[in-house]
């Protein structure tokens, strides 16, 4: 990502042990350990997300729209403030020489991830966006469509405190053509994210990585 200081490059994990024991294939099934490169449409995750929302009975509004994976453009298309967008990205935290821990970081659409803050939060040496093939394998959906929910015990969710203060959060529903509007309190109760300061003021160009299509 871009901002104050050096630009962040996708975080290529070191060869060796990772904190994930498995990945998902394009149908949401367990692909077994080490199978990082997968093709995912997000359809299975979209359906699973809607089933979960129906089961818990949480109130939300879903809208369908033209295909768009960039947060700023999608916010204009959907007609809501950029600050209400919940931008979710998989971040790798380097713990040791051959160990990388992954976390789903959720920030406001008008902010970008503070990588040093994420690294400090998890006791890591450094942090950076996971490469697209890992992010897709972990989330089971395409770039730009990652919802702010984790369906894996080994993928914690951390939400920036500024987004937690918004009345409503707006997020992709695992596809580039479907968006959900939800009360922030309901989202927090359902997703149970850790809430910390993990974002900073955004640069003039959108953050480019596994959560957003490139600027």
N, C-alpha and C. Protein backbone atom coordinates (compact mmCIF):
# COMPACT_ATOMS: atom_id res chain seq x y z
N UNK A 1 0.84 -1.18 0.00
CA UNK A 1 0.00 0.00 0.00
C UNK A 1 0.88 1.23 0.00
N UNK A 2 0.27 2.34 -0.24
CA UNK A 2 1.04 3.57 -0.28
C UNK A 2 0.62 4.47 0.86
N UNK A 3 1.49 5.41 1.22
CA UNK A 3 1.20 6.31 2.32
C UNK A 3 2.49 6.92 2.80
N UNK A 4 2.55 7.29 4.06
CA UNK A 4 3.77 7.84 4.62
C UNK A 4 4.80 6.73 4.74
N UNK A 5 5.99 6.95 4.22
CA UNK A 5 7.03 5.94 4.30
C UNK A 5 7.04 5.07 3.07
N UNK A 6 7.86 4.01 3.08
CA UNK A 6 8.00 3.13 1.92
C UNK A 6 6.69 2.46 1.55
N UNK A 7 6.51 2.24 0.26
CA UNK A 7 5.30 1.55 -0.21
C UNK A 7 5.36 0.10 0.22
N UNK A 8 4.21 -0.44 0.60
CA UNK A 8 4.13 -1.84 0.99
C UNK A 8 3.98 -2.71 -0.24
N UNK A 9 4.74 -3.78 -0.31
CA UNK A 9 4.62 -4.76 -1.36
C UNK A 9 3.87 -5.97 -0.82
N UNK A 10 3.23 -6.77 -1.68
CA UNK A 10 2.58 -7.98 -1.19
C UNK A 10 3.56 -8.81 -0.37
N UNK A 11 3.09 -9.36 0.73
CA UNK A 11 3.93 -10.06 1.68
C UNK A 11 4.12 -11.50 1.23
N UNK A 12 5.27 -11.81 0.68
CA UNK A 12 5.56 -13.17 0.25
C UNK A 12 6.08 -13.95 1.45
N UNK A 13 5.35 -14.97 1.91
CA UNK A 13 5.79 -15.71 3.09
C UNK A 13 7.05 -16.51 2.82
N UNK A 14 7.86 -16.65 3.86
CA UNK A 14 9.08 -17.44 3.73
C UNK A 14 8.71 -18.91 3.58
N UNK A 15 9.55 -19.66 2.91
CA UNK A 15 9.33 -21.08 2.80
C UNK A 15 9.43 -21.70 4.18
N UNK A 16 8.54 -22.60 4.49
CA UNK A 16 8.58 -23.23 5.80
C UNK A 16 7.18 -23.33 6.37
N UNK A 17 7.09 -23.41 7.67
CA UNK A 17 5.81 -23.62 8.34
C UNK A 17 4.98 -22.35 8.36
N UNK A 18 3.67 -22.50 8.09
CA UNK A 18 2.74 -21.38 8.19
C UNK A 18 1.74 -21.70 9.29
N UNK A 19 1.05 -20.68 9.76
CA UNK A 19 0.11 -20.88 10.85
C UNK A 19 -1.22 -21.46 10.38
N UNK A 20 -1.40 -21.65 9.07
CA UNK A 20 -2.59 -22.30 8.56
C UNK A 20 -2.33 -23.78 8.36
N UNK A 21 -3.29 -24.60 8.68
CA UNK A 21 -3.13 -26.03 8.45
C UNK A 21 -3.83 -26.48 7.18
N UNK A 22 -4.65 -25.62 6.57
CA UNK A 22 -5.39 -26.03 5.39
C UNK A 22 -5.83 -24.81 4.61
N UNK A 23 -6.28 -25.03 3.37
CA UNK A 23 -6.83 -23.95 2.56
C UNK A 23 -8.14 -24.43 1.96
N UNK A 24 -8.87 -23.51 1.35
CA UNK A 24 -10.14 -23.85 0.73
C UNK A 24 -10.00 -23.89 -0.77
N UNK A 25 -10.72 -24.82 -1.39
CA UNK A 25 -10.74 -24.81 -2.85
C UNK A 25 -11.86 -23.88 -3.32
N UNK A 26 -12.11 -23.82 -4.63
CA UNK A 26 -13.09 -22.90 -5.17
C UNK A 26 -14.52 -23.20 -4.79
N UNK A 27 -14.74 -24.38 -4.16
CA UNK A 27 -16.10 -24.74 -3.75
C UNK A 27 -16.27 -24.65 -2.25
N UNK A 28 -15.28 -24.04 -1.56
CA UNK A 28 -15.38 -23.88 -0.13
C UNK A 28 -15.00 -25.13 0.65
N UNK A 29 -14.45 -26.15 -0.04
CA UNK A 29 -14.05 -27.38 0.63
C UNK A 29 -12.61 -27.28 1.10
N UNK A 30 -12.29 -28.12 2.08
CA UNK A 30 -10.92 -28.16 2.58
C UNK A 30 -10.03 -28.77 1.51
N UNK A 31 -9.02 -28.01 1.08
CA UNK A 31 -8.14 -28.48 0.01
C UNK A 31 -6.92 -29.20 0.57
N UNK A 32 -6.81 -29.30 1.89
CA UNK A 32 -5.68 -29.98 2.47
C UNK A 32 -4.52 -29.03 2.71
N UNK A 33 -3.55 -29.45 3.51
CA UNK A 33 -2.43 -28.57 3.84
C UNK A 33 -1.57 -28.23 2.65
N UNK A 34 -1.13 -26.99 2.62
CA UNK A 34 -0.15 -26.58 1.62
C UNK A 34 -0.71 -26.21 0.27
N UNK A 35 -2.04 -26.34 0.06
CA UNK A 35 -2.59 -26.07 -1.26
C UNK A 35 -2.97 -24.62 -1.42
N UNK A 36 -2.00 -23.72 -1.47
CA UNK A 36 -2.28 -22.29 -1.44
C UNK A 36 -2.91 -21.76 -2.72
N UNK A 37 -2.49 -22.25 -3.88
CA UNK A 37 -2.98 -21.66 -5.12
C UNK A 37 -4.28 -22.32 -5.54
N UNK A 38 -5.37 -21.54 -5.52
CA UNK A 38 -6.68 -22.06 -5.89
C UNK A 38 -7.40 -21.03 -6.73
N UNK A 39 -8.44 -21.47 -7.43
CA UNK A 39 -9.29 -20.53 -8.15
C UNK A 39 -10.61 -20.47 -7.41
N UNK A 40 -11.07 -19.29 -7.05
CA UNK A 40 -12.28 -19.17 -6.25
C UNK A 40 -13.20 -18.12 -6.85
N UNK A 41 -14.47 -18.48 -7.03
CA UNK A 41 -15.44 -17.54 -7.57
C UNK A 41 -16.13 -16.77 -6.46
N UNK A 42 -16.13 -17.33 -5.24
CA UNK A 42 -16.80 -16.69 -4.13
C UNK A 42 -18.24 -17.11 -3.98
N UNK A 43 -18.78 -17.90 -4.91
CA UNK A 43 -20.19 -18.30 -4.86
C UNK A 43 -20.48 -19.09 -3.60
N UNK A 44 -19.64 -20.07 -3.26
CA UNK A 44 -19.86 -20.90 -2.08
C UNK A 44 -19.83 -20.05 -0.81
N UNK A 45 -18.89 -19.13 -0.72
CA UNK A 45 -18.79 -18.29 0.46
C UNK A 45 -19.97 -17.33 0.54
N UNK A 46 -20.40 -16.80 -0.59
CA UNK A 46 -21.57 -15.92 -0.63
C UNK A 46 -22.78 -16.63 -0.07
N UNK A 47 -23.01 -17.86 -0.51
CA UNK A 47 -24.16 -18.63 -0.05
C UNK A 47 -24.02 -18.96 1.44
N UNK A 48 -22.82 -19.27 1.87
CA UNK A 48 -22.60 -19.58 3.28
C UNK A 48 -22.84 -18.35 4.15
N UNK A 49 -22.40 -17.20 3.67
CA UNK A 49 -22.61 -15.95 4.41
C UNK A 49 -24.10 -15.66 4.57
N UNK A 50 -24.86 -15.79 3.50
CA UNK A 50 -26.29 -15.52 3.57
C UNK A 50 -27.01 -16.51 4.47
N UNK A 51 -26.58 -17.78 4.43
CA UNK A 51 -27.17 -18.77 5.33
C UNK A 51 -26.92 -18.41 6.79
N UNK A 52 -25.69 -17.97 7.08
CA UNK A 52 -25.36 -17.59 8.45
C UNK A 52 -26.22 -16.42 8.92
N UNK A 53 -26.39 -15.41 8.06
CA UNK A 53 -27.18 -14.25 8.43
C UNK A 53 -28.64 -14.63 8.65
N UNK A 54 -29.15 -15.56 7.83
CA UNK A 54 -30.53 -16.01 7.99
C UNK A 54 -30.71 -16.79 9.29
N UNK A 55 -29.72 -17.61 9.62
CA UNK A 55 -29.81 -18.44 10.83
C UNK A 55 -29.83 -17.60 12.10
N UNK A 56 -29.03 -16.53 12.13
CA UNK A 56 -28.97 -15.71 13.35
C UNK A 56 -30.05 -14.64 13.36
N UNK A 57 -30.67 -14.40 12.20
CA UNK A 57 -31.77 -13.44 12.13
C UNK A 57 -31.35 -11.98 12.23
N UNK A 58 -30.12 -11.68 11.85
CA UNK A 58 -29.64 -10.30 11.91
C UNK A 58 -30.25 -9.49 10.76
N UNK A 59 -30.55 -8.23 11.02
CA UNK A 59 -31.12 -7.36 9.99
C UNK A 59 -30.02 -6.82 9.09
N UNK A 60 -30.27 -6.82 7.79
CA UNK A 60 -29.31 -6.25 6.84
C UNK A 60 -30.04 -5.93 5.54
N UNK A 61 -29.40 -5.13 4.72
CA UNK A 61 -29.93 -4.81 3.40
C UNK A 61 -28.91 -5.22 2.36
N UNK A 62 -29.35 -5.96 1.36
CA UNK A 62 -28.43 -6.41 0.32
C UNK A 62 -28.82 -5.77 -1.01
N UNK A 63 -27.83 -5.28 -1.73
CA UNK A 63 -28.07 -4.68 -3.04
C UNK A 63 -27.17 -5.34 -4.07
N UNK A 64 -27.66 -5.43 -5.27
CA UNK A 64 -26.86 -5.96 -6.38
C UNK A 64 -26.52 -4.80 -7.31
N UNK A 65 -25.35 -4.89 -7.93
CA UNK A 65 -24.88 -3.77 -8.74
C UNK A 65 -23.89 -4.27 -9.79
N UNK A 66 -23.42 -3.36 -10.62
CA UNK A 66 -22.43 -3.72 -11.63
C UNK A 66 -21.15 -4.22 -10.97
N UNK A 67 -20.40 -5.04 -11.66
CA UNK A 67 -19.16 -5.60 -11.14
C UNK A 67 -18.16 -4.50 -10.80
N UNK A 68 -17.70 -4.50 -9.54
CA UNK A 68 -16.71 -3.50 -9.11
C UNK A 68 -15.98 -4.02 -7.88
N UNK A 69 -14.64 -3.98 -7.91
CA UNK A 69 -13.85 -4.47 -6.79
C UNK A 69 -13.04 -3.40 -6.09
N UNK A 70 -13.07 -2.17 -6.58
CA UNK A 70 -12.33 -1.08 -5.94
C UNK A 70 -13.24 -0.37 -4.94
N UNK A 71 -12.75 -0.20 -3.73
CA UNK A 71 -13.58 0.33 -2.66
C UNK A 71 -14.16 1.70 -2.98
N UNK A 72 -13.34 2.61 -3.47
CA UNK A 72 -13.82 3.96 -3.73
C UNK A 72 -14.87 3.97 -4.85
N UNK A 73 -14.60 3.25 -5.93
CA UNK A 73 -15.54 3.19 -7.05
C UNK A 73 -16.82 2.47 -6.63
N UNK A 74 -16.68 1.40 -5.85
CA UNK A 74 -17.85 0.66 -5.41
C UNK A 74 -18.72 1.50 -4.47
N UNK A 75 -18.09 2.31 -3.64
CA UNK A 75 -18.84 3.17 -2.73
C UNK A 75 -19.68 4.19 -3.50
N UNK A 76 -19.08 4.75 -4.55
CA UNK A 76 -19.84 5.69 -5.40
C UNK A 76 -21.01 4.97 -6.07
N UNK A 77 -20.74 3.77 -6.54
CA UNK A 77 -21.77 2.99 -7.23
C UNK A 77 -22.93 2.66 -6.30
N UNK A 78 -22.60 2.36 -5.05
CA UNK A 78 -23.63 1.94 -4.09
C UNK A 78 -24.27 3.11 -3.36
N UNK A 79 -23.69 4.31 -3.51
CA UNK A 79 -24.28 5.51 -2.95
C UNK A 79 -24.12 5.69 -1.46
N UNK A 80 -22.97 5.36 -0.91
CA UNK A 80 -22.74 5.56 0.52
C UNK A 80 -21.38 6.21 0.73
N UNK A 81 -21.15 6.83 1.90
CA UNK A 81 -19.86 7.46 2.17
C UNK A 81 -18.73 6.43 2.17
N UNK A 82 -17.58 6.82 1.68
CA UNK A 82 -16.43 5.92 1.64
C UNK A 82 -16.06 5.43 3.04
N UNK A 83 -16.25 6.26 4.04
CA UNK A 83 -15.88 5.90 5.41
C UNK A 83 -16.71 4.74 5.94
N UNK A 84 -17.87 4.50 5.37
CA UNK A 84 -18.73 3.40 5.84
C UNK A 84 -18.32 2.05 5.26
N UNK A 85 -17.49 2.05 4.22
CA UNK A 85 -17.07 0.80 3.59
C UNK A 85 -16.14 0.04 4.52
N UNK A 86 -16.42 -1.24 4.70
CA UNK A 86 -15.56 -2.11 5.51
C UNK A 86 -14.64 -2.85 4.55
N UNK A 87 -13.41 -2.39 4.47
CA UNK A 87 -12.42 -2.96 3.55
C UNK A 87 -11.67 -4.07 4.28
N UNK A 88 -11.82 -5.32 3.81
CA UNK A 88 -11.22 -6.47 4.49
C UNK A 88 -10.08 -7.04 3.65
N UNK A 89 -8.92 -7.21 4.28
CA UNK A 89 -7.74 -7.72 3.58
C UNK A 89 -6.98 -8.71 4.44
N UNK A 90 -6.44 -9.74 3.80
CA UNK A 90 -5.63 -10.73 4.51
C UNK A 90 -4.21 -10.20 4.63
N UNK A 91 -3.73 -10.15 5.86
CA UNK A 91 -2.38 -9.64 6.15
C UNK A 91 -1.54 -10.75 6.75
N UNK A 92 -0.29 -10.86 6.28
CA UNK A 92 0.64 -11.83 6.83
C UNK A 92 1.55 -11.15 7.84
N UNK A 93 1.68 -11.75 9.01
CA UNK A 93 2.57 -11.24 10.05
C UNK A 93 3.74 -12.21 10.20
N UNK A 94 4.94 -11.72 9.95
CA UNK A 94 6.13 -12.56 10.07
C UNK A 94 6.48 -12.69 11.55
N UNK A 95 6.35 -13.92 12.07
CA UNK A 95 6.61 -14.17 13.48
C UNK A 95 8.06 -14.59 13.72
N UNK A 96 8.47 -15.59 12.96
CA UNK A 96 9.83 -16.09 13.05
C UNK A 96 10.34 -16.30 11.63
N UNK A 97 11.55 -16.81 11.52
CA UNK A 97 12.19 -16.95 10.22
C UNK A 97 11.34 -17.75 9.25
N UNK A 98 10.72 -18.82 9.71
CA UNK A 98 9.96 -19.69 8.83
C UNK A 98 8.51 -19.82 9.29
N UNK A 99 7.97 -18.79 9.88
CA UNK A 99 6.60 -18.85 10.37
C UNK A 99 5.86 -17.54 10.09
N UNK A 100 4.73 -17.65 9.41
CA UNK A 100 3.90 -16.49 9.09
C UNK A 100 2.48 -16.73 9.58
N UNK A 101 1.95 -15.76 10.29
CA UNK A 101 0.59 -15.82 10.83
C UNK A 101 -0.29 -14.91 9.99
N UNK A 102 -1.51 -15.36 9.65
CA UNK A 102 -2.39 -14.55 8.83
C UNK A 102 -3.60 -14.08 9.61
N UNK A 103 -4.01 -12.86 9.32
CA UNK A 103 -5.14 -12.24 10.01
C UNK A 103 -5.96 -11.46 8.99
N UNK A 104 -7.26 -11.39 9.20
CA UNK A 104 -8.14 -10.61 8.33
C UNK A 104 -8.31 -9.23 8.97
N UNK A 105 -7.78 -8.21 8.34
CA UNK A 105 -7.82 -6.85 8.88
C UNK A 105 -8.93 -6.07 8.19
N UNK A 106 -9.78 -5.42 8.97
CA UNK A 106 -10.94 -4.69 8.44
C UNK A 106 -10.81 -3.22 8.81
N UNK A 107 -10.75 -2.36 7.80
CA UNK A 107 -10.58 -0.92 8.04
C UNK A 107 -11.61 -0.13 7.23
N UNK A 108 -11.75 1.14 7.57
CA UNK A 108 -12.64 2.02 6.83
C UNK A 108 -12.15 2.20 5.40
N UNK A 109 -13.07 2.45 4.49
CA UNK A 109 -12.70 2.61 3.10
C UNK A 109 -11.81 3.79 2.81
N UNK A 110 -11.85 4.81 3.68
CA UNK A 110 -11.02 5.99 3.47
C UNK A 110 -9.72 5.94 4.25
N UNK A 111 -9.38 4.76 4.79
CA UNK A 111 -8.12 4.59 5.51
C UNK A 111 -7.37 3.40 4.95
N UNK A 112 -6.11 3.25 5.34
CA UNK A 112 -5.32 2.11 4.90
C UNK A 112 -4.71 1.42 6.12
N UNK A 113 -4.33 0.19 5.94
CA UNK A 113 -3.80 -0.59 7.05
C UNK A 113 -2.46 -0.05 7.52
N UNK A 114 -2.32 0.06 8.82
CA UNK A 114 -1.05 0.44 9.44
C UNK A 114 -0.31 -0.87 9.73
N UNK A 115 0.56 -1.26 8.79
CA UNK A 115 1.23 -2.55 8.90
C UNK A 115 2.10 -2.68 10.16
N UNK A 116 2.88 -1.66 10.53
CA UNK A 116 3.66 -1.78 11.77
C UNK A 116 2.76 -2.01 13.00
N UNK A 117 1.58 -1.38 13.01
CA UNK A 117 0.66 -1.56 14.13
C UNK A 117 0.15 -3.00 14.19
N UNK A 118 -0.14 -3.58 13.02
CA UNK A 118 -0.60 -4.98 12.98
C UNK A 118 0.51 -5.91 13.45
N UNK A 119 1.73 -5.66 13.00
CA UNK A 119 2.86 -6.49 13.41
C UNK A 119 3.05 -6.43 14.93
N UNK A 120 2.96 -5.23 15.50
CA UNK A 120 3.12 -5.08 16.94
C UNK A 120 2.01 -5.78 17.70
N UNK A 121 0.81 -5.70 17.18
CA UNK A 121 -0.34 -6.31 17.84
C UNK A 121 -0.16 -7.80 18.03
N UNK A 122 0.45 -8.46 17.04
CA UNK A 122 0.62 -9.91 17.11
C UNK A 122 2.05 -10.33 17.44
N UNK A 123 2.86 -9.38 17.88
CA UNK A 123 4.21 -9.72 18.28
C UNK A 123 5.11 -10.15 17.14
N UNK A 124 4.82 -9.65 15.93
CA UNK A 124 5.61 -10.03 14.77
C UNK A 124 6.71 -9.04 14.45
N UNK A 125 7.58 -9.46 13.55
CA UNK A 125 8.69 -8.60 13.12
C UNK A 125 8.23 -7.59 12.09
N UNK A 126 7.35 -8.01 11.19
CA UNK A 126 6.80 -7.11 10.17
C UNK A 126 5.52 -7.71 9.63
N UNK A 127 4.77 -6.91 8.88
CA UNK A 127 3.50 -7.36 8.31
C UNK A 127 3.32 -6.78 6.93
N UNK A 128 2.55 -7.45 6.11
CA UNK A 128 2.28 -6.96 4.75
C UNK A 128 1.12 -7.72 4.16
N UNK A 129 0.57 -7.20 3.08
CA UNK A 129 -0.56 -7.86 2.42
C UNK A 129 -0.15 -9.24 1.93
N UNK A 130 -1.01 -10.21 2.14
CA UNK A 130 -0.76 -11.55 1.64
C UNK A 130 -0.83 -11.53 0.11
N UNK A 131 -0.02 -12.32 -0.58
CA UNK A 131 -0.11 -12.40 -2.04
C UNK A 131 -1.52 -12.86 -2.44
N UNK A 132 -1.99 -12.43 -3.60
CA UNK A 132 -3.35 -12.79 -4.03
C UNK A 132 -3.66 -14.28 -3.97
N UNK A 133 -2.72 -15.14 -4.37
CA UNK A 133 -3.03 -16.58 -4.38
C UNK A 133 -3.26 -17.12 -2.98
N UNK A 134 -2.59 -16.55 -1.99
CA UNK A 134 -2.82 -16.97 -0.60
C UNK A 134 -4.14 -16.38 -0.09
N UNK A 135 -4.38 -15.10 -0.37
CA UNK A 135 -5.62 -14.47 0.09
C UNK A 135 -6.85 -15.17 -0.48
N UNK A 136 -6.78 -15.53 -1.75
CA UNK A 136 -7.90 -16.23 -2.37
C UNK A 136 -8.07 -17.62 -1.76
N UNK A 137 -6.96 -18.30 -1.53
CA UNK A 137 -7.04 -19.63 -0.93
C UNK A 137 -7.59 -19.60 0.48
N UNK A 138 -7.26 -18.57 1.23
CA UNK A 138 -7.70 -18.44 2.62
C UNK A 138 -9.17 -18.04 2.71
N UNK A 139 -9.59 -17.09 1.88
CA UNK A 139 -10.95 -16.57 1.99
C UNK A 139 -11.96 -17.28 1.09
N UNK A 140 -11.48 -17.85 -0.02
CA UNK A 140 -12.39 -18.52 -0.93
C UNK A 140 -13.17 -17.59 -1.82
N UNK A 141 -12.71 -16.34 -1.97
CA UNK A 141 -13.41 -15.42 -2.86
C UNK A 141 -12.40 -14.54 -3.58
N UNK A 142 -12.83 -13.88 -4.67
CA UNK A 142 -11.90 -13.10 -5.48
C UNK A 142 -11.45 -11.80 -4.83
N UNK A 143 -10.35 -11.25 -5.34
CA UNK A 143 -9.86 -9.96 -4.86
C UNK A 143 -10.96 -8.91 -5.00
N UNK A 144 -11.07 -8.06 -4.00
CA UNK A 144 -12.06 -7.00 -4.05
C UNK A 144 -13.43 -7.39 -3.53
N UNK A 145 -13.60 -8.68 -3.18
CA UNK A 145 -14.92 -9.15 -2.74
C UNK A 145 -14.89 -9.77 -1.35
N UNK A 146 -13.79 -9.60 -0.63
CA UNK A 146 -13.63 -10.26 0.68
C UNK A 146 -14.56 -9.64 1.72
N UNK A 147 -15.47 -10.42 2.30
CA UNK A 147 -16.33 -9.89 3.36
C UNK A 147 -15.56 -9.85 4.68
N UNK A 148 -15.99 -9.03 5.64
CA UNK A 148 -15.25 -8.89 6.90
C UNK A 148 -15.57 -9.98 7.92
N UNK A 149 -15.73 -11.19 7.44
CA UNK A 149 -16.02 -12.35 8.30
C UNK A 149 -14.99 -13.44 8.03
N UNK A 150 -14.66 -14.18 9.05
CA UNK A 150 -13.79 -15.35 8.88
C UNK A 150 -14.59 -16.60 9.22
N UNK A 151 -14.49 -17.60 8.35
CA UNK A 151 -15.13 -18.87 8.60
C UNK A 151 -14.10 -19.93 8.97
N UNK A 152 -12.95 -19.45 9.43
CA UNK A 152 -11.87 -20.34 9.81
C UNK A 152 -11.40 -19.99 11.22
N UNK A 153 -11.14 -21.02 12.02
CA UNK A 153 -10.64 -20.79 13.37
C UNK A 153 -9.23 -20.22 13.36
N UNK A 154 -8.49 -20.48 12.27
CA UNK A 154 -7.10 -20.03 12.21
C UNK A 154 -6.93 -18.71 11.46
N UNK A 155 -8.03 -17.99 11.24
CA UNK A 155 -7.96 -16.67 10.61
C UNK A 155 -8.71 -15.67 11.48
N UNK A 156 -8.06 -15.06 12.46
CA UNK A 156 -8.74 -14.09 13.32
C UNK A 156 -9.08 -12.81 12.54
N UNK A 157 -10.05 -12.09 13.05
CA UNK A 157 -10.47 -10.83 12.44
C UNK A 157 -10.13 -9.69 13.40
N UNK A 158 -9.47 -8.65 12.88
CA UNK A 158 -9.19 -7.46 13.68
C UNK A 158 -9.79 -6.26 12.95
N UNK A 159 -10.54 -5.46 13.67
CA UNK A 159 -11.26 -4.32 13.10
C UNK A 159 -10.64 -3.03 13.63
N UNK A 160 -10.45 -2.06 12.75
CA UNK A 160 -9.91 -0.79 13.21
C UNK A 160 -10.95 -0.05 14.05
N UNK A 161 -10.49 0.60 15.10
CA UNK A 161 -11.40 1.27 16.02
C UNK A 161 -12.20 2.40 15.37
N UNK A 162 -11.66 3.01 14.32
CA UNK A 162 -12.39 4.09 13.65
C UNK A 162 -13.62 3.54 12.92
N UNK A 163 -13.50 2.36 12.32
CA UNK A 163 -14.64 1.75 11.65
C UNK A 163 -15.69 1.32 12.67
N UNK A 164 -15.24 0.88 13.83
CA UNK A 164 -16.17 0.44 14.88
C UNK A 164 -17.07 1.58 15.36
N UNK A 165 -16.64 2.82 15.12
CA UNK A 165 -17.43 3.98 15.54
C UNK A 165 -18.49 4.39 14.52
N UNK A 166 -18.43 3.82 13.32
CA UNK A 166 -19.44 4.13 12.31
C UNK A 166 -20.79 3.50 12.67
N UNK A 167 -21.87 4.13 12.28
CA UNK A 167 -23.20 3.60 12.59
C UNK A 167 -23.54 2.38 11.74
N UNK A 168 -23.10 2.41 10.48
CA UNK A 168 -23.40 1.33 9.54
C UNK A 168 -22.10 0.92 8.84
N UNK A 169 -21.95 -0.38 8.59
CA UNK A 169 -20.82 -0.86 7.79
C UNK A 169 -21.38 -1.44 6.50
N UNK A 170 -20.63 -1.23 5.42
CA UNK A 170 -21.04 -1.68 4.10
C UNK A 170 -19.92 -2.55 3.56
N UNK A 171 -20.24 -3.75 3.11
CA UNK A 171 -19.18 -4.66 2.69
C UNK A 171 -19.61 -5.59 1.56
N UNK A 172 -18.63 -6.08 0.84
CA UNK A 172 -18.86 -7.03 -0.24
C UNK A 172 -19.31 -8.36 0.35
N UNK A 173 -20.23 -8.99 -0.34
CA UNK A 173 -20.77 -10.26 0.15
C UNK A 173 -20.14 -11.44 -0.59
N UNK A 174 -18.82 -11.41 -0.73
CA UNK A 174 -18.02 -12.48 -1.35
C UNK A 174 -18.16 -12.53 -2.87
N UNK A 175 -18.82 -11.54 -3.46
CA UNK A 175 -18.86 -11.40 -4.91
C UNK A 175 -18.66 -9.92 -5.23
N UNK A 176 -18.29 -9.65 -6.47
CA UNK A 176 -18.06 -8.27 -6.89
C UNK A 176 -19.36 -7.57 -7.31
N UNK A 177 -20.47 -8.27 -7.24
CA UNK A 177 -21.75 -7.71 -7.69
C UNK A 177 -22.79 -7.62 -6.58
N UNK A 178 -22.40 -7.89 -5.35
CA UNK A 178 -23.38 -7.93 -4.26
C UNK A 178 -22.80 -7.28 -3.01
N UNK A 179 -23.58 -6.39 -2.39
CA UNK A 179 -23.12 -5.64 -1.22
C UNK A 179 -24.14 -5.73 -0.09
N UNK A 180 -23.65 -5.75 1.14
CA UNK A 180 -24.51 -5.81 2.31
C UNK A 180 -24.31 -4.55 3.17
N UNK A 181 -25.41 -3.96 3.61
CA UNK A 181 -25.43 -2.85 4.57
C UNK A 181 -25.89 -3.44 5.90
N UNK A 182 -25.14 -3.17 6.99
CA UNK A 182 -25.49 -3.75 8.28
C UNK A 182 -25.16 -2.77 9.40
N UNK A 183 -25.98 -2.77 10.44
CA UNK A 183 -25.68 -1.98 11.62
C UNK A 183 -24.34 -2.45 12.20
N UNK A 184 -23.48 -1.50 12.53
CA UNK A 184 -22.14 -1.86 13.00
C UNK A 184 -22.18 -2.69 14.27
N UNK A 185 -23.07 -2.37 15.17
CA UNK A 185 -23.18 -3.15 16.40
C UNK A 185 -23.55 -4.59 16.13
N UNK A 186 -24.44 -4.80 15.16
CA UNK A 186 -24.82 -6.17 14.80
C UNK A 186 -23.64 -6.91 14.18
N UNK A 187 -22.89 -6.20 13.34
CA UNK A 187 -21.71 -6.83 12.73
C UNK A 187 -20.71 -7.26 13.80
N UNK A 188 -20.43 -6.38 14.75
CA UNK A 188 -19.45 -6.69 15.80
C UNK A 188 -19.93 -7.87 16.64
N UNK A 189 -21.22 -7.90 16.96
CA UNK A 189 -21.76 -9.01 17.76
C UNK A 189 -21.66 -10.33 17.01
N UNK A 190 -21.79 -10.28 15.70
CA UNK A 190 -21.78 -11.50 14.90
C UNK A 190 -20.36 -11.95 14.56
N UNK A 191 -19.52 -11.04 14.09
CA UNK A 191 -18.17 -11.39 13.65
C UNK A 191 -17.19 -11.52 14.81
N UNK A 192 -17.48 -10.84 15.92
CA UNK A 192 -16.62 -10.84 17.11
C UNK A 192 -15.16 -10.51 16.78
N UNK A 193 -14.95 -9.40 16.09
CA UNK A 193 -13.56 -9.03 15.77
C UNK A 193 -12.84 -8.46 16.99
N UNK A 194 -11.52 -8.57 16.99
CA UNK A 194 -10.72 -7.80 17.93
C UNK A 194 -10.77 -6.36 17.42
N UNK A 195 -10.83 -5.39 18.30
CA UNK A 195 -10.91 -3.98 17.90
C UNK A 195 -9.68 -3.25 18.41
N UNK A 196 -8.87 -2.76 17.47
CA UNK A 196 -7.64 -2.05 17.81
C UNK A 196 -7.40 -0.95 16.78
N UNK A 197 -6.43 -0.09 17.05
CA UNK A 197 -6.05 0.91 16.06
C UNK A 197 -5.07 0.26 15.10
N UNK A 198 -5.56 -0.09 13.92
CA UNK A 198 -4.73 -0.79 12.93
C UNK A 198 -4.81 -0.10 11.56
N UNK A 199 -5.22 1.17 11.53
CA UNK A 199 -5.32 1.89 10.27
C UNK A 199 -4.74 3.29 10.41
N UNK A 200 -4.45 3.91 9.28
CA UNK A 200 -3.93 5.27 9.24
C UNK A 200 -4.57 5.99 8.05
N UNK A 201 -4.35 7.29 7.95
CA UNK A 201 -4.92 8.07 6.86
C UNK A 201 -4.46 7.49 5.53
N UNK A 202 -5.37 7.40 4.58
CA UNK A 202 -5.06 6.81 3.29
C UNK A 202 -4.34 7.80 2.39
N UNK A 203 -3.58 7.27 1.44
CA UNK A 203 -2.94 8.09 0.43
C UNK A 203 -3.97 8.46 -0.62
N UNK A 204 -3.56 9.16 -1.66
CA UNK A 204 -4.49 9.59 -2.70
C UNK A 204 -4.97 8.45 -3.56
N UNK A 205 -4.23 7.34 -3.57
CA UNK A 205 -4.59 6.18 -4.37
C UNK A 205 -5.06 5.09 -3.43
N UNK A 206 -6.06 4.33 -3.82
CA UNK A 206 -6.56 3.27 -2.96
C UNK A 206 -5.50 2.23 -2.68
N UNK A 207 -5.63 1.62 -1.51
CA UNK A 207 -4.76 0.53 -1.14
C UNK A 207 -4.93 -0.59 -2.15
N UNK A 208 -3.85 -1.08 -2.65
CA UNK A 208 -3.91 -2.14 -3.65
C UNK A 208 -3.42 -3.44 -3.04
N UNK A 209 -4.24 -4.45 -3.03
CA UNK A 209 -3.83 -5.72 -2.47
C UNK A 209 -4.94 -6.73 -2.61
N UNK A 210 -5.04 -7.69 -1.67
CA UNK A 210 -6.00 -8.76 -1.83
C UNK A 210 -7.41 -8.33 -1.54
N UNK A 211 -7.60 -7.19 -0.88
CA UNK A 211 -8.96 -6.74 -0.58
C UNK A 211 -9.53 -5.83 -1.63
N UNK A 212 -8.67 -5.14 -2.36
CA UNK A 212 -9.10 -4.23 -3.41
C UNK A 212 -8.41 -4.56 -4.71
N UNK A 213 -9.12 -4.37 -5.80
CA UNK A 213 -8.46 -4.46 -7.08
C UNK A 213 -7.50 -3.26 -7.19
N UNK A 214 -6.44 -3.36 -7.98
CA UNK A 214 -5.49 -2.27 -8.08
C UNK A 214 -6.14 -0.97 -8.50
N UNK A 215 -5.52 0.16 -8.10
CA UNK A 215 -6.05 1.49 -8.44
C UNK A 215 -6.03 1.68 -9.95
